[in-house]
Amino acid sequence: ARLFSYVREEEPLIPIQLSQLNANIDQVRLMDEIAHSTSMLGVDEAEDAVPNILDLFSSYIEMEDETYIESFFDSFIANGIPVFCEQLYKAANLNFYKEIAKGLNELVFLLKE
C-alpha cells in the first residue's frame, strides 16, 4: 500500500483505503465483495485501496448486471473516490497527480448521471 509514498516504511502522502477516506462506507459489505471476487485473488495488503476498488468495479462492469453495478457504484465509488480525489489534489505538488485527481473525479461525476 505504498501508493504515493516516498519511502517504503512511511505512510502514503494521503489515505488510499476507502475505510480511511469515508467512515460511512459499509465496510462489512465491501470486505465481503472483496473476499468473493476472483479479481482480488492475490491481493493481500490494503484490500480496500482505491486502485483495488476501481479494479473490482471494472470486473463488475464486465458482468453487465446493471442493478449490481449501480449498487456497487453508489455504495463505494460515489462515496469514496471523490474524497480521495479531493485529498490527492490538495496534497499533490505535481500537476500530473492533480490532473489524475481531476480526471477521476470528473469520471465519477459523469457516471453518476
N, C-alpha and C. Protein backbone atom coordinates (compact mmCIF):
# COMPACT_ATOMS: atom_id res chain seq x y z
N ALA A 1 0.83 -1.20 0.00
CA ALA A 1 0.00 0.00 0.00
C ALA A 1 0.86 1.24 0.00
N ARG A 2 1.90 1.24 -0.81
CA ARG A 2 2.83 2.37 -0.83
C ARG A 2 2.42 3.45 -1.83
N LEU A 3 1.26 3.39 -2.39
CA LEU A 3 0.86 4.38 -3.38
C LEU A 3 1.12 5.78 -2.85
N PHE A 4 1.88 6.55 -3.59
CA PHE A 4 2.24 7.92 -3.25
C PHE A 4 3.11 8.02 -2.01
N SER A 5 3.81 6.96 -1.65
CA SER A 5 4.73 7.01 -0.52
C SER A 5 6.14 7.15 -1.05
N TYR A 6 6.89 8.09 -0.49
CA TYR A 6 8.25 8.32 -0.97
C TYR A 6 9.23 7.29 -0.42
N VAL A 7 8.96 6.80 0.74
CA VAL A 7 9.86 5.86 1.40
C VAL A 7 9.07 4.61 1.78
N ARG A 8 9.67 3.46 1.57
CA ARG A 8 8.96 2.18 1.76
C ARG A 8 8.32 2.06 3.13
N GLU A 9 8.94 2.49 4.18
CA GLU A 9 8.41 2.31 5.54
C GLU A 9 7.51 3.45 6.02
N GLU A 10 7.29 4.44 5.18
CA GLU A 10 6.45 5.57 5.58
C GLU A 10 5.04 5.43 5.03
N GLU A 11 4.13 6.09 5.69
CA GLU A 11 2.74 6.11 5.25
C GLU A 11 2.63 6.87 3.93
N PRO A 12 1.64 6.54 3.10
CA PRO A 12 1.42 7.30 1.87
C PRO A 12 1.11 8.77 2.17
N LEU A 13 1.27 9.59 1.17
CA LEU A 13 1.00 11.02 1.29
C LEU A 13 -0.43 11.30 1.73
N ILE A 14 -1.36 10.52 1.23
CA ILE A 14 -2.78 10.64 1.58
C ILE A 14 -3.32 9.24 1.86
N PRO A 15 -4.42 9.13 2.60
CA PRO A 15 -5.03 7.82 2.80
C PRO A 15 -5.49 7.25 1.45
N ILE A 16 -5.26 5.97 1.25
CA ILE A 16 -5.66 5.37 -0.02
C ILE A 16 -6.71 4.28 0.15
N GLN A 17 -7.08 4.00 1.38
CA GLN A 17 -8.08 2.97 1.63
C GLN A 17 -9.44 3.62 1.86
N LEU A 18 -10.48 3.05 1.27
CA LEU A 18 -11.82 3.63 1.41
C LEU A 18 -12.23 3.71 2.87
N SER A 19 -11.83 2.73 3.66
CA SER A 19 -12.18 2.75 5.08
C SER A 19 -11.57 3.94 5.80
N GLN A 20 -10.45 4.45 5.30
CA GLN A 20 -9.82 5.64 5.89
C GLN A 20 -10.40 6.93 5.32
N LEU A 21 -10.95 6.85 4.14
CA LEU A 21 -11.45 8.05 3.46
C LEU A 21 -12.87 8.42 3.84
N ASN A 22 -13.70 7.41 4.11
CA ASN A 22 -15.10 7.68 4.40
C ASN A 22 -15.61 6.66 5.42
N ALA A 23 -15.87 7.13 6.61
CA ALA A 23 -16.32 6.25 7.69
C ALA A 23 -17.72 5.69 7.45
N ASN A 24 -18.47 6.29 6.52
CA ASN A 24 -19.84 5.85 6.26
C ASN A 24 -19.95 4.69 5.28
N ILE A 25 -18.83 4.24 4.76
CA ILE A 25 -18.84 3.13 3.82
C ILE A 25 -19.14 1.84 4.57
N ASP A 26 -19.98 1.01 3.99
CA ASP A 26 -20.33 -0.27 4.59
C ASP A 26 -19.13 -1.21 4.46
N GLN A 27 -18.28 -1.18 5.46
CA GLN A 27 -17.03 -1.93 5.46
C GLN A 27 -17.26 -3.44 5.40
N VAL A 28 -18.29 -3.91 6.06
CA VAL A 28 -18.58 -5.35 6.07
C VAL A 28 -18.94 -5.81 4.66
N ARG A 29 -19.82 -5.06 4.00
CA ARG A 29 -20.20 -5.43 2.62
C ARG A 29 -19.00 -5.35 1.69
N LEU A 30 -18.19 -4.31 1.84
CA LEU A 30 -17.03 -4.16 0.97
C LEU A 30 -16.06 -5.32 1.13
N MET A 31 -15.77 -5.70 2.36
CA MET A 31 -14.86 -6.82 2.60
C MET A 31 -15.45 -8.13 2.07
N ASP A 32 -16.77 -8.26 2.14
CA ASP A 32 -17.44 -9.44 1.59
C ASP A 32 -17.30 -9.46 0.07
N GLU A 33 -17.49 -8.30 -0.56
CA GLU A 33 -17.32 -8.19 -2.01
C GLU A 33 -15.90 -8.59 -2.41
N ILE A 34 -14.93 -8.09 -1.67
CA ILE A 34 -13.52 -8.37 -1.97
C ILE A 34 -13.23 -9.86 -1.79
N ALA A 35 -13.73 -10.44 -0.70
CA ALA A 35 -13.46 -11.84 -0.39
C ALA A 35 -14.03 -12.78 -1.46
N HIS A 36 -15.14 -12.39 -2.07
CA HIS A 36 -15.80 -13.26 -3.04
C HIS A 36 -15.46 -12.94 -4.49
N SER A 37 -14.54 -12.03 -4.70
CA SER A 37 -14.20 -11.64 -6.06
C SER A 37 -12.94 -12.35 -6.54
N THR A 38 -13.03 -12.94 -7.71
CA THR A 38 -11.84 -13.59 -8.28
C THR A 38 -10.82 -12.56 -8.75
N SER A 39 -11.25 -11.33 -9.02
CA SER A 39 -10.31 -10.31 -9.47
C SER A 39 -9.41 -9.82 -8.34
N MET A 40 -9.76 -10.15 -7.10
CA MET A 40 -8.97 -9.70 -5.95
C MET A 40 -8.06 -10.81 -5.42
N LEU A 41 -8.00 -11.95 -6.11
CA LEU A 41 -7.10 -13.01 -5.69
C LEU A 41 -5.65 -12.52 -5.73
N GLY A 42 -4.92 -12.80 -4.70
CA GLY A 42 -3.53 -12.39 -4.64
C GLY A 42 -3.31 -11.04 -4.00
N VAL A 43 -4.39 -10.31 -3.74
CA VAL A 43 -4.27 -9.03 -3.06
C VAL A 43 -4.28 -9.31 -1.57
N ASP A 44 -3.15 -9.09 -0.93
CA ASP A 44 -3.05 -9.45 0.48
C ASP A 44 -2.81 -8.24 1.38
N GLU A 45 -2.74 -7.07 0.80
CA GLU A 45 -2.46 -5.87 1.58
C GLU A 45 -3.35 -4.74 1.08
N ALA A 46 -3.95 -4.02 1.98
CA ALA A 46 -4.79 -2.86 1.65
C ALA A 46 -5.86 -3.23 0.61
N GLU A 47 -6.64 -4.24 0.96
CA GLU A 47 -7.65 -4.73 0.02
C GLU A 47 -8.60 -3.64 -0.43
N ASP A 48 -8.91 -2.70 0.45
CA ASP A 48 -9.86 -1.64 0.07
C ASP A 48 -9.16 -0.37 -0.41
N ALA A 49 -7.94 -0.51 -0.93
CA ALA A 49 -7.24 0.62 -1.51
C ALA A 49 -7.95 1.05 -2.80
N VAL A 50 -7.90 2.32 -3.08
CA VAL A 50 -8.61 2.88 -4.23
C VAL A 50 -8.31 2.12 -5.53
N PRO A 51 -7.06 1.84 -5.87
CA PRO A 51 -6.83 1.10 -7.13
C PRO A 51 -7.50 -0.28 -7.14
N ASN A 52 -7.51 -0.96 -6.01
CA ASN A 52 -8.15 -2.27 -5.94
C ASN A 52 -9.66 -2.16 -6.11
N ILE A 53 -10.25 -1.14 -5.52
CA ILE A 53 -11.71 -0.95 -5.63
C ILE A 53 -12.08 -0.60 -7.06
N LEU A 54 -11.28 0.22 -7.72
CA LEU A 54 -11.55 0.54 -9.12
C LEU A 54 -11.40 -0.70 -10.01
N ASP A 55 -10.43 -1.53 -9.71
CA ASP A 55 -10.25 -2.78 -10.45
C ASP A 55 -11.44 -3.71 -10.24
N LEU A 56 -11.89 -3.80 -9.01
CA LEU A 56 -13.06 -4.62 -8.69
C LEU A 56 -14.29 -4.10 -9.43
N PHE A 57 -14.47 -2.78 -9.44
CA PHE A 57 -15.60 -2.18 -10.15
C PHE A 57 -15.54 -2.50 -11.64
N SER A 58 -14.36 -2.45 -12.23
CA SER A 58 -14.24 -2.75 -13.65
C SER A 58 -14.60 -4.21 -13.94
N SER A 59 -14.29 -5.11 -13.01
CA SER A 59 -14.67 -6.51 -13.21
C SER A 59 -16.19 -6.67 -13.14
N TYR A 60 -16.85 -5.87 -12.32
CA TYR A 60 -18.32 -5.93 -12.25
C TYR A 60 -18.96 -5.39 -13.52
N ILE A 61 -18.33 -4.39 -14.11
CA ILE A 61 -18.87 -3.83 -15.35
C ILE A 61 -18.89 -4.90 -16.44
N GLU A 62 -17.88 -5.74 -16.45
CA GLU A 62 -17.83 -6.82 -17.43
C GLU A 62 -18.97 -7.82 -17.24
N MET A 63 -19.51 -7.92 -16.02
CA MET A 63 -20.62 -8.84 -15.75
C MET A 63 -21.92 -8.35 -16.38
N GLU A 64 -22.02 -7.06 -16.63
CA GLU A 64 -23.17 -6.44 -17.27
C GLU A 64 -24.47 -6.58 -16.49
N ASP A 65 -24.39 -6.62 -15.18
CA ASP A 65 -25.57 -6.64 -14.32
C ASP A 65 -25.77 -5.21 -13.81
N GLU A 66 -26.64 -4.45 -14.50
CA GLU A 66 -26.77 -3.02 -14.21
C GLU A 66 -27.18 -2.71 -12.78
N THR A 67 -28.08 -3.50 -12.24
CA THR A 67 -28.52 -3.26 -10.87
C THR A 67 -27.36 -3.42 -9.89
N TYR A 68 -26.60 -4.46 -10.07
CA TYR A 68 -25.46 -4.72 -9.19
C TYR A 68 -24.38 -3.66 -9.36
N ILE A 69 -24.11 -3.27 -10.60
CA ILE A 69 -23.11 -2.24 -10.88
C ILE A 69 -23.51 -0.93 -10.22
N GLU A 70 -24.76 -0.53 -10.37
CA GLU A 70 -25.24 0.72 -9.78
C GLU A 70 -25.15 0.68 -8.25
N SER A 71 -25.49 -0.45 -7.68
CA SER A 71 -25.42 -0.59 -6.22
C SER A 71 -23.99 -0.44 -5.72
N PHE A 72 -23.06 -1.12 -6.39
CA PHE A 72 -21.65 -1.03 -6.00
C PHE A 72 -21.13 0.40 -6.20
N PHE A 73 -21.48 0.99 -7.33
CA PHE A 73 -21.04 2.36 -7.62
C PHE A 73 -21.54 3.33 -6.55
N ASP A 74 -22.82 3.27 -6.26
CA ASP A 74 -23.40 4.19 -5.28
C ASP A 74 -22.82 3.97 -3.88
N SER A 75 -22.59 2.72 -3.54
CA SER A 75 -22.10 2.41 -2.19
C SER A 75 -20.63 2.74 -1.98
N PHE A 76 -19.81 2.52 -3.00
CA PHE A 76 -18.37 2.61 -2.78
C PHE A 76 -17.65 3.64 -3.66
N ILE A 77 -17.94 3.66 -4.93
CA ILE A 77 -17.25 4.59 -5.83
C ILE A 77 -17.69 6.03 -5.57
N ALA A 78 -18.99 6.27 -5.62
CA ALA A 78 -19.51 7.63 -5.45
C ALA A 78 -19.28 8.17 -4.05
N ASN A 79 -19.17 7.29 -3.06
CA ASN A 79 -18.98 7.74 -1.68
C ASN A 79 -17.52 7.86 -1.25
N GLY A 80 -16.61 7.23 -1.96
CA GLY A 80 -15.22 7.25 -1.52
C GLY A 80 -14.25 7.93 -2.47
N ILE A 81 -14.44 7.75 -3.75
CA ILE A 81 -13.47 8.24 -4.73
C ILE A 81 -13.38 9.77 -4.76
N PRO A 82 -14.51 10.50 -4.71
CA PRO A 82 -14.38 11.97 -4.69
C PRO A 82 -13.58 12.50 -3.49
N VAL A 83 -13.70 11.85 -2.35
CA VAL A 83 -12.91 12.25 -1.17
C VAL A 83 -11.44 12.02 -1.45
N PHE A 84 -11.11 10.88 -2.04
CA PHE A 84 -9.73 10.57 -2.41
C PHE A 84 -9.20 11.62 -3.38
N CYS A 85 -9.98 11.94 -4.40
CA CYS A 85 -9.57 12.92 -5.41
C CYS A 85 -9.30 14.29 -4.80
N GLU A 86 -10.18 14.70 -3.91
CA GLU A 86 -10.01 16.00 -3.25
C GLU A 86 -8.72 16.03 -2.43
N GLN A 87 -8.47 14.98 -1.67
CA GLN A 87 -7.26 14.93 -0.84
C GLN A 87 -6.01 14.86 -1.70
N LEU A 88 -6.07 14.08 -2.78
CA LEU A 88 -4.92 13.99 -3.68
C LEU A 88 -4.64 15.33 -4.33
N TYR A 89 -5.66 16.01 -4.79
CA TYR A 89 -5.48 17.30 -5.43
C TYR A 89 -4.84 18.31 -4.47
N LYS A 90 -5.30 18.34 -3.24
CA LYS A 90 -4.76 19.28 -2.26
C LYS A 90 -3.33 18.95 -1.86
N ALA A 91 -2.99 17.67 -1.78
CA ALA A 91 -1.67 17.26 -1.28
C ALA A 91 -0.60 17.20 -2.36
N ALA A 92 -1.01 17.06 -3.61
CA ALA A 92 -0.03 16.86 -4.69
C ALA A 92 0.73 18.13 -5.01
N ASN A 93 2.00 17.94 -5.28
CA ASN A 93 2.84 19.05 -5.73
C ASN A 93 2.99 19.04 -7.25
N LEU A 94 2.82 17.90 -7.84
CA LEU A 94 2.99 17.76 -9.29
C LEU A 94 1.64 17.85 -10.00
N ASN A 95 1.63 18.56 -11.11
CA ASN A 95 0.41 18.70 -11.89
C ASN A 95 -0.11 17.35 -12.38
N PHE A 96 0.79 16.40 -12.60
CA PHE A 96 0.39 15.06 -13.05
C PHE A 96 -0.64 14.47 -12.09
N TYR A 97 -0.36 14.50 -10.79
CA TYR A 97 -1.28 13.93 -9.81
C TYR A 97 -2.53 14.78 -9.66
N LYS A 98 -2.40 16.08 -9.80
CA LYS A 98 -3.58 16.95 -9.74
C LYS A 98 -4.52 16.63 -10.91
N GLU A 99 -3.95 16.39 -12.08
CA GLU A 99 -4.77 16.07 -13.25
C GLU A 99 -5.42 14.70 -13.11
N ILE A 100 -4.72 13.74 -12.53
CA ILE A 100 -5.32 12.43 -12.26
C ILE A 100 -6.53 12.61 -11.33
N ALA A 101 -6.34 13.40 -10.28
CA ALA A 101 -7.42 13.64 -9.32
C ALA A 101 -8.62 14.29 -10.01
N LYS A 102 -8.36 15.30 -10.83
CA LYS A 102 -9.45 15.98 -11.54
C LYS A 102 -10.16 15.04 -12.51
N GLY A 103 -9.39 14.29 -13.27
CA GLY A 103 -9.97 13.39 -14.26
C GLY A 103 -10.80 12.29 -13.63
N LEU A 104 -10.29 11.69 -12.56
CA LEU A 104 -11.03 10.63 -11.88
C LEU A 104 -12.30 11.18 -11.24
N ASN A 105 -12.21 12.35 -10.66
CA ASN A 105 -13.39 12.97 -10.06
C ASN A 105 -14.44 13.28 -11.13
N GLU A 106 -14.01 13.77 -12.29
CA GLU A 106 -14.94 14.07 -13.37
C GLU A 106 -15.59 12.79 -13.89
N LEU A 107 -14.82 11.70 -13.96
CA LEU A 107 -15.37 10.43 -14.40
C LEU A 107 -16.46 9.95 -13.44
N VAL A 108 -16.22 10.05 -12.15
CA VAL A 108 -17.24 9.66 -11.17
C VAL A 108 -18.48 10.53 -11.33
N PHE A 109 -18.28 11.83 -11.52
CA PHE A 109 -19.40 12.75 -11.71
C PHE A 109 -20.22 12.35 -12.94
N LEU A 110 -19.56 12.04 -14.05
CA LEU A 110 -20.26 11.66 -15.28
C LEU A 110 -21.00 10.33 -15.11
N LEU A 111 -20.40 9.40 -14.38
CA LEU A 111 -21.06 8.10 -14.18
C LEU A 111 -22.28 8.22 -13.27
N LYS A 112 -22.31 9.23 -12.43
CA LYS A 112 -23.48 9.44 -11.56
C LYS A 112 -24.71 9.80 -12.37
N GLU A 113 -24.49 10.47 -13.48
CA GLU A 113 -25.63 10.95 -14.29
C GLU A 113 -26.21 9.93 -15.19
